[in-house]
Protein backbone atom coordinates (compact mmCIF):
# COMPACT_ATOMS: atom_id res chain seq x y z
CA MET A 1 0.00 0.00 0.00
CA LEU A 2 1.03 3.60 -0.65
CA VAL A 3 -0.13 6.83 0.97
CA ASP A 4 -0.51 10.26 -0.56
CA SER A 5 0.37 12.30 2.50
CA HIS A 6 -0.24 15.67 0.87
CA CYS A 7 -2.68 16.81 -1.80
CA HIS A 8 -5.42 19.42 -2.23
CA LEU A 9 -8.67 17.71 -3.14
CA ASP A 10 -10.65 20.88 -2.37
CA PHE A 11 -9.00 22.82 -5.18
CA PRO A 12 -11.18 23.68 -8.20
CA ASP A 13 -9.01 21.46 -10.43
CA PHE A 14 -10.71 18.41 -8.89
CA ALA A 15 -14.27 19.69 -8.63
CA ASP A 16 -15.68 17.91 -11.70
CA ASP A 17 -14.33 14.39 -11.14
CA LEU A 18 -13.44 13.99 -7.49
CA ASP A 19 -15.12 10.60 -7.14
CA ALA A 20 -13.17 9.26 -10.11
CA ILE A 21 -9.90 10.66 -8.74
CA VAL A 22 -10.34 8.95 -5.37
CA ALA A 23 -11.39 5.72 -7.13
CA ARG A 24 -8.28 5.80 -9.36
CA ALA A 25 -6.09 6.27 -6.31
CA ARG A 26 -7.64 3.25 -4.65
CA THR A 27 -7.14 1.18 -7.81
CA ALA A 28 -3.50 2.29 -7.89
CA GLY A 29 -2.98 0.98 -4.37
CA VAL A 30 -3.16 4.30 -2.55
CA GLY A 31 -4.80 3.33 0.73
CA ARG A 32 -4.90 6.69 2.50
CA ILE A 33 -5.03 10.30 1.31
CA VAL A 34 -4.54 13.46 3.35
CA THR A 35 -6.00 16.57 1.76
CA ILE A 36 -4.16 19.56 3.18
CA SER A 37 -5.63 22.80 4.43
CA THR A 38 -4.42 26.13 3.07
CA ARG A 39 -6.97 28.33 4.87
CA VAL A 40 -8.43 27.66 8.30
CA ARG A 41 -11.60 29.51 7.30
CA ARG A 42 -12.21 26.99 4.52
CA LEU A 43 -11.91 23.89 6.69
CA SER A 44 -15.59 23.03 6.21
CA GLY A 45 -14.96 22.20 2.55
CA LEU A 46 -12.20 19.78 3.49
CA LEU A 47 -14.37 18.15 6.12
CA ASP A 48 -17.12 17.64 3.55
CA ILE A 49 -14.67 15.82 1.28
CA ALA A 50 -13.26 13.73 4.13
CA ALA A 51 -16.79 12.73 5.12
CA ARG A 52 -17.49 11.44 1.60
CA PHE A 53 -14.50 9.11 1.47
CA PRO A 54 -13.53 6.77 4.33
CA ASN A 55 -9.87 6.73 3.30
CA VAL A 56 -9.50 10.54 3.04
CA TYR A 57 -8.40 12.70 5.97
CA CYS A 58 -7.45 16.37 6.27
CA SER A 59 -5.41 18.92 8.15
CA VAL A 60 -6.21 22.41 9.39
CA GLY A 61 -3.95 25.39 8.87
CA THR A 62 -2.95 28.51 7.01
CA HIS A 63 -0.56 28.37 4.05
CA PRO A 64 2.08 31.13 4.18
CA HIS A 65 0.57 32.60 1.00
CA HIS A 66 -2.52 33.45 3.09
CA ALA A 67 -0.68 34.49 6.24
CA ASP A 68 -1.92 38.10 6.12
CA GLU A 69 -5.46 37.04 5.27
CA GLU A 70 -5.60 34.79 8.35
CA ASP A 71 -3.16 36.66 10.56
CA GLY A 72 -4.08 36.38 14.23
CA ILE A 73 -5.73 32.96 14.25
CA ALA A 74 -5.03 31.79 17.78
CA THR A 75 -3.32 28.58 18.75
CA ASP A 76 -6.34 27.70 20.92
CA GLU A 77 -8.62 27.89 17.89
CA LEU A 78 -6.36 25.58 15.92
CA ILE A 79 -6.30 23.14 18.84
CA GLU A 80 -10.10 23.16 19.05
CA LEU A 81 -10.47 22.45 15.33
CA THR A 82 -8.21 19.41 15.55
CA LYS A 83 -10.77 17.66 17.75
CA HIS A 84 -12.70 16.59 14.66
CA PRO A 85 -11.94 12.88 14.05
CA LYS A 86 -10.94 13.45 10.44
CA VAL A 87 -8.48 16.28 11.20
CA VAL A 88 -5.17 14.47 11.58
CA ALA A 89 -2.54 17.23 11.24
CA LEU A 90 -1.82 20.96 11.45
CA GLY A 91 -0.82 23.04 8.45
CA GLU A 92 0.36 23.54 5.97
CA ALA A 93 2.16 26.45 7.55
CA GLY A 94 5.65 27.83 7.29
CA LEU A 95 7.70 30.30 5.27
CA ASP A 96 7.71 31.16 1.57
CA ASN A 97 10.31 33.73 0.58
CA PHE A 98 10.00 32.90 -3.12
CA TYR A 99 6.54 34.29 -3.87
CA GLU A 100 6.11 36.30 -0.65
CA HIS A 101 2.34 36.54 -1.10
CA GLY A 102 2.20 36.85 2.67
CA SER A 103 4.35 39.27 4.66
CA ARG A 104 7.32 37.67 6.37
CA GLU A 105 6.14 38.88 9.76
CA ALA A 106 2.69 37.31 9.38
CA GLN A 107 4.20 34.10 8.02
CA GLU A 108 6.43 33.74 11.06
CA ARG A 109 3.61 34.48 13.50
CA GLY A 110 1.44 31.90 11.82
CA PHE A 111 4.26 29.37 11.70
CA ARG A 112 4.91 29.67 15.42
CA ALA A 113 1.20 29.47 16.26
CA HIS A 114 0.89 26.24 14.28
CA ILE A 115 3.98 24.81 15.98
CA ALA A 116 2.42 25.60 19.37
CA ALA A 117 -0.77 23.81 18.32
CA ALA A 118 1.21 20.80 17.13
CA ARG A 119 3.08 20.71 20.44
CA ALA A 120 -0.16 20.90 22.43
CA THR A 121 -2.08 18.30 20.43
CA GLY A 122 0.69 15.85 19.53
CA LEU A 123 -0.45 16.01 15.91
CA PRO A 124 2.13 16.51 13.17
CA LEU A 125 2.69 19.88 11.54
CA VAL A 126 2.96 19.95 7.75
CA ILE A 127 5.63 22.53 7.00
CA HIS A 128 5.90 24.55 3.80
CA THR A 129 9.32 26.09 3.30
CA ARG A 130 10.64 27.64 0.11
CA ASP A 131 13.73 29.82 -0.26
CA ALA A 132 13.69 30.11 3.53
CA ASP A 133 16.18 27.53 4.77
CA GLU A 134 17.93 29.79 7.29
CA PRO A 135 14.87 31.32 8.99
CA CYS A 136 12.99 28.02 8.91
CA GLY A 137 15.86 26.17 10.56
CA ARG A 138 16.25 28.90 13.15
CA ILE A 139 12.57 28.88 14.07
CA LEU A 140 12.49 25.09 14.30
CA GLU A 141 15.47 25.10 16.67
CA GLU A 142 14.03 27.92 18.79
CA GLU A 143 10.63 26.31 19.05
CA MET A 144 12.00 22.87 19.87
CA THR A 145 13.61 24.33 23.01
CA LYS A 146 10.09 25.19 24.23
CA GLY A 147 8.99 21.58 23.96
CA SER A 148 9.10 18.87 21.35
CA PHE A 149 6.68 18.64 18.45
CA ARG A 150 6.30 16.44 15.39
CA ALA A 151 6.47 17.70 11.83
CA VAL A 152 7.24 16.92 8.21
CA LEU A 153 8.90 19.26 5.72
CA HIS A 154 6.66 18.63 2.74
CA CYS A 155 7.58 18.87 -0.94
CA TYR A 156 11.18 19.22 0.07
CA THR A 157 13.43 21.18 -2.29
CA GLY A 158 15.65 22.89 0.26
CA GLY A 159 19.32 22.38 0.97
CA ARG A 160 21.12 19.60 2.75
CA GLU A 161 21.80 21.72 5.85
CA LEU A 162 18.13 22.34 6.58
CA ALA A 163 17.22 18.72 5.87
CA MET A 164 19.84 17.40 8.26
CA LYS A 165 18.86 19.96 10.88
CA ALA A 166 15.25 18.78 10.60
CA ILE A 167 16.37 15.15 10.92
CA SER A 168 18.44 16.00 14.00
CA LEU A 169 15.33 17.56 15.54
CA GLY A 170 13.35 14.38 14.94
CA LEU A 171 11.36 15.65 11.96
CA SER A 172 10.58 13.97 8.63
CA ILE A 173 11.06 14.86 4.96
CA SER A 174 8.54 14.26 2.17
CA PHE A 175 9.13 14.18 -1.58
CA THR A 176 6.90 15.00 -4.54
CA GLY A 177 7.10 14.59 -8.31
CA ILE A 178 9.97 17.08 -8.29
CA LEU A 179 12.14 14.14 -7.28
CA THR A 180 11.48 12.59 -10.71
CA PHE A 181 12.54 15.61 -12.77
CA LYS A 182 15.72 15.32 -14.81
CA LYS A 183 17.25 18.40 -13.20
CA SER A 184 16.67 17.13 -9.65
CA GLN A 185 19.82 15.04 -9.23
CA GLU A 186 20.93 17.06 -6.21
CA LEU A 187 17.59 16.38 -4.56
CA ARG A 188 17.87 12.66 -5.37
CA ASP A 189 21.34 12.59 -3.84
CA LEU A 190 19.86 14.02 -0.65
CA ALA A 191 16.97 11.55 -0.71
CA ALA A 192 19.45 8.69 -0.93
CA GLU A 193 21.23 9.94 2.19
CA LEU A 194 18.30 10.43 4.57
CA PRO A 195 17.43 7.87 7.26
CA ALA A 196 14.89 5.32 6.02
CA ASP A 197 12.52 6.00 8.91
CA ARG A 198 12.18 9.73 8.11
CA ILE A 199 11.07 9.75 4.47
CA MET A 200 7.59 9.95 2.95
CA VAL A 201 6.00 10.47 -0.45
CA GLU A 202 3.23 12.78 -1.63
CA THR A 203 1.83 14.36 -4.78
CA ASP A 204 1.01 17.94 -3.69
CA SER A 205 -1.58 17.55 -6.44
CA PRO A 206 -3.02 19.10 -8.50
CA TYR A 207 0.50 20.50 -8.93
CA LEU A 208 3.91 18.93 -9.66
CA ALA A 209 2.95 15.89 -11.72
CA PRO A 210 5.83 13.38 -11.92
CA GLY A 211 8.00 13.36 -15.05
CA LYS A 212 5.93 10.62 -16.66
CA PHE A 213 2.88 12.91 -16.53
CA ARG A 214 4.63 16.28 -16.79
CA GLY A 215 2.30 18.97 -18.05
CA LYS A 216 -0.84 17.16 -16.90
CA ARG A 217 -2.91 17.73 -13.80
CA ASN A 218 -1.40 15.76 -10.94
CA GLU A 219 -3.54 13.47 -8.76
CA PRO A 220 -3.08 11.04 -5.83
CA SER A 221 -2.88 7.94 -8.06
CA TYR A 222 0.45 9.25 -9.38
CA VAL A 223 2.21 8.99 -6.01
CA GLY A 224 3.51 5.60 -7.11
CA GLU A 225 5.74 7.33 -9.65
CA VAL A 226 7.41 9.28 -6.85
CA ALA A 227 7.85 6.06 -4.89
CA LYS A 228 9.44 4.33 -7.89
CA VAL A 229 12.11 7.01 -8.28
CA LEU A 230 12.70 7.15 -4.54
CA ALA A 231 13.21 3.37 -4.54
CA GLU A 232 15.65 3.57 -7.46
CA THR A 233 17.48 6.44 -5.79
CA ARG A 234 17.94 4.50 -2.56
CA GLY A 235 18.72 1.19 -4.26
CA VAL A 236 15.77 -0.71 -2.81
CA SER A 237 12.67 -2.35 -4.26
CA LEU A 238 9.40 -0.54 -4.83
CA ASP A 239 7.77 -2.92 -2.34
CA GLU A 240 10.31 -1.93 0.28
CA ILE A 241 9.93 1.81 -0.27
CA SER A 242 6.14 1.44 -0.23
CA ARG A 243 6.31 -0.46 3.05
CA GLN A 244 8.79 1.96 4.62
CA THR A 245 7.10 5.21 3.60
CA THR A 246 3.69 3.88 4.61
CA GLU A 247 5.05 2.77 7.97
CA ASN A 248 6.60 6.21 8.43
CA PHE A 249 3.31 7.87 7.54
CA PHE A 250 1.28 5.93 10.08
CA ARG A 251 3.85 6.54 12.79
CA LEU A 252 3.77 10.31 12.18
CA PHE A 253 0.09 10.68 11.29
CA SER A 254 -0.91 8.45 14.18
CA LYS A 255 -4.52 9.67 14.25
CA VAL A 256 -5.19 8.09 10.85
CA ARG A 257 -6.87 4.70 11.08
CA ARG A 258 -4.30 2.05 10.37
CA ARG A 259 -6.46 -1.03 10.00
CA LYS A 260 -8.01 -1.64 6.61
CA LEU A 261 -11.43 -0.04 6.33
CA TRP A 262 -14.36 -2.36 5.79
CA HIS A 263 -15.44 -0.11 2.93
CA ASP A 264 -12.29 -1.24 1.10
CA ALA A 265 -12.86 -4.94 1.70
CA ASP A 266 -12.80 -7.23 -1.31
CA PRO A 267 -14.98 -10.32 -0.66
CA ASP A 268 -12.49 -12.42 -2.66
CA ASP A 269 -9.44 -11.14 -0.76
CA PRO A 270 -7.63 -14.23 0.63
CA ARG A 271 -6.79 -12.26 3.75
CA LEU A 272 -10.41 -12.38 4.84
CA ARG A 273 -11.29 -15.17 7.23
CA ILE A 274 -14.38 -16.08 9.18
CA LEU A 275 -14.03 -15.24 12.85
CA SER A 276 -16.75 -17.58 13.93
CA ARG A 277 -17.70 -20.35 11.53
CA ARG A 278 -20.70 -21.31 13.60
CA ALA A 279 -22.00 -17.75 13.60
CA ALA A 280 -21.38 -17.45 9.87
CA SER A 281 -23.08 -20.77 9.28
CA ARG A 282 -26.14 -19.71 11.22
CA ALA A 283 -26.23 -16.42 9.37
CA ARG A 284 -25.77 -18.21 6.03
CA LEU A 285 -24.14 -15.13 4.61
CA GLY A 286 -22.10 -16.91 1.98
CA LYS A 287 -19.79 -14.41 0.31
CA CYS A 288 -19.86 -11.29 2.44
CA ASP A 289 -20.69 -8.14 0.54
CA PRO A 290 -19.78 -5.18 2.81
CA ASN A 291 -21.96 -2.91 0.69
CA ASN A 292 -25.06 -4.97 1.48
CA PRO A 293 -26.97 -3.23 4.33
CA LYS A 294 -28.20 -6.62 5.55
CA ASN A 295 -24.63 -7.80 5.97
CA ARG A 296 -23.64 -4.57 7.66
CA ARG A 297 -26.34 -5.16 10.28
CA ARG A 298 -24.90 -8.62 10.94
CA ARG A 299 -21.42 -7.06 10.91
CA CYS A 300 -20.30 -9.78 8.48
CA SER A 301 -18.36 -11.67 11.17
CA LEU A 302 -15.22 -10.88 9.21
CA LEU A 303 -11.78 -9.81 10.21
CA ILE A 304 -9.32 -8.36 7.78
CA GLU A 305 -6.09 -10.06 8.59
CA ARG A 306 -3.05 -7.87 8.34
CA THR A 307 -0.28 -9.57 6.44
CA GLU A 308 2.75 -7.70 5.21
CA MET A 309 0.72 -4.68 4.25
CA ALA A 310 0.64 -1.80 6.68
CA ALA A 311 -3.14 -1.72 6.56
C-alpha cells in the first residue's frame, strides 16, 4: 500500500471528477489520502470531502501565502479544530520567501502558532518552506527548546543543511514529483542519504505531476511514480519503499486509522477469514458483501487479517 500524505482535493481542479480521482487512487494501491488545508476559514470544505470518502483525511492550517489574510488565528482555535476525528494534522504552515504573497512577519507568526498547536495536540505539523532555509531552521530550533513537536517538511526542495537539521530535531522529509525531474539530481542525492525511517511520499496535487505525466494535472494515483524514483534512488525495491514510507506515515500521522477499512474490503481477498464459523453458518451469509446493508447489520463476522501490508 502507498499513501498520498499531501494533496489538495478541495482545489477547483478536482471539482468535476473527485469521485473518479479517489477511485483511481484506490485502484492504484493508494490506501490513505490526506487533503491539506491552506486556509483555516475553509476547513468546512475539506471536512465535507473527508466525510465522503472513508480513506481521506485532512489537516487544518494557514498556508504562508494566506498568512496576512488569516493573521491572528489563535493557537487555541487551531487546537479546538483538531478535535474533529478526520483532522489528523496541522498546516500547511511555514515560510515562503519565493513568492512572498504573505508578509514575512505574518508568516512567522502563523508558523509559530501552528507549531504551538502541534506541540499541544501531539499532531504533526505539515511545514511549507521555500527559499527560507535559514529562517525556517532557526525557528524550528528555537521552538524545539520550548517543547518537542512532530512535523514533516513537505515537498522538500531545500538544501542539505536544513534537511539534516530537521532530521536532528526528529522531523521527517517528504518528496513529490519534483524528485522525478531530470534536473533534480541534487535532490535525489539528498533523498538517498536520509534515514529510512524519516522519508515519505506525496503528490502535492493538482501540482507537480511526476515526469511521466509532466504537463498534466497531478492526482493522488500518481504517487507511485514518486515512490518508484525514490526506490531507485535508494537502491531498494518498490515494495520496500512502499512499506517503509507507509510505515513512516502511520507513525507520524498516528490519528489516521491504520487497520483496513471495511469499505475497502474485497470479498475475494484471501486475507479475509471467518471469525466464527458457527456464527457465519447460522447467518448463512455466503460471500460477504460489505456494501449490502443486511450484511452490515450482521457485521459480516469478518476480520481483515493484516499480512505484510501496513493496513
